[in-house]
Amino acid sequence: MTVRRMDVARLAGTSPAVVSYVLNGGPRPVSAQTRARVLAAVEQLGYRPNGIARSLRMSRTMTLGLVIPDNANPFFAELARAIEEESFAQGYTLLIGNAAENDERQTAYVRTFLARQVDGLFIVPAHGPAGFLGELDRARTPWICLDRQVPGAAAPGVLVDNRGGAYTATRHLLDHGRRRIACIGGPEDVMPATDRVSGWRDALDEEGISRRAMSVTHSSFGRRGGYGAARELLAGPQRPDAIFVASDEQAVGVLRAIAEARLRCPDDVAVASFDGIPGAAYTTPALTTMAQPFAALGRAAVAHLLAQPAGPTDVLPVALVKRGSCGCPDPPGGDLTGEGAPA
């Protein structure tokens, strides 16, 4: 038997309108005693409001959509968790789609979320074409970019200081006395990767070290990519004494390559990376990394999306977390210092 709002009102001794005011938080105030009676009746009868009808009345679904390039990558998993936490705190349900670095799949998720009438979209664009732009141009749904921007798109974004963070990480390796600092970047057509390579170059230029003497190797944002790139660097004629790596996931593969080459980190080859994922604290040695402020990213992203109109692009700072891979003292296993960075 379907329980109706009228049944709740009858049991609570009030009107259906008052039941609606209690469940919707207004528009009229309800006394504490009446509110308590209504909620007790809701609980006793097991009443569940019709969410679809409510959404039609409010012109809102209280849902948001997030499309990420790769849900197997711990960085995107951490970012998604931060956005989900903040969305939930604001009363929204978050739908998540995994583009699997495929533009057609990415566009399909955008189209699906728009059809479900989400109140807004977060998009971390996959590298390559951005076919979803046409879908968003035809819709009135607000959206923002995360982690990276889409060339030609007018949407605001929430980013971190990729170039400044890479400069700081490379500067830290220089302060340890390293001079042959190579770089393993991400895909060449992804903005964070290019910015991080630029930051590495800034630090070498400031020190007067010729860029031509040190190479840049690009790979995918993953352990396999980092491993392959490091093997190539370590087998070259000018073996680096340090490597700045564009992501923690790549750096895990780099550590494996160093060990297989019968070299020691940090004694023979120091490593500093970027992102601050939890797993960076559990490698041997633990990774020195530029930690992204996941909680602050989640708050800023939701605030931007819900603001009408959205404000300008936010660029948040990152924080250097010193661990053993660069030559600093290695903390005990599982040290969480810097995870998520200062919020």
Foldseek 3Di string as FASTA:
>chain_A
DADDLCQLCVQLVHHSVVLVCLVVVDPDDDDPSSSVSSVVSCVVVVHDDDQVVVCVVVVANLEEEEEEAACVDLLVVLLVVLQQVQSVVVPHHYHYHHQVLPQVSSLVRLLVVVVVVHQEYEYADRFDDNVNPVVVVVDPRAYEYEQADDPPDPHAYEHAQLLQFLLVQLLLLVVVVFQQEAEEFEDPRTVSRVSSVNSNVVNNVVVVRDVVSYYYHYFHPALVRLLVRLLVQCPDPDRGLEYEYAALRSVLNNCVNCVVVVHDANVRYAYAYEAQRQCQLADVQRHWYFHAQSNVSSNLRVVQSPDVPGDHHHYHYTHTDDARRSPPDHDPRRDNPQRNHDD
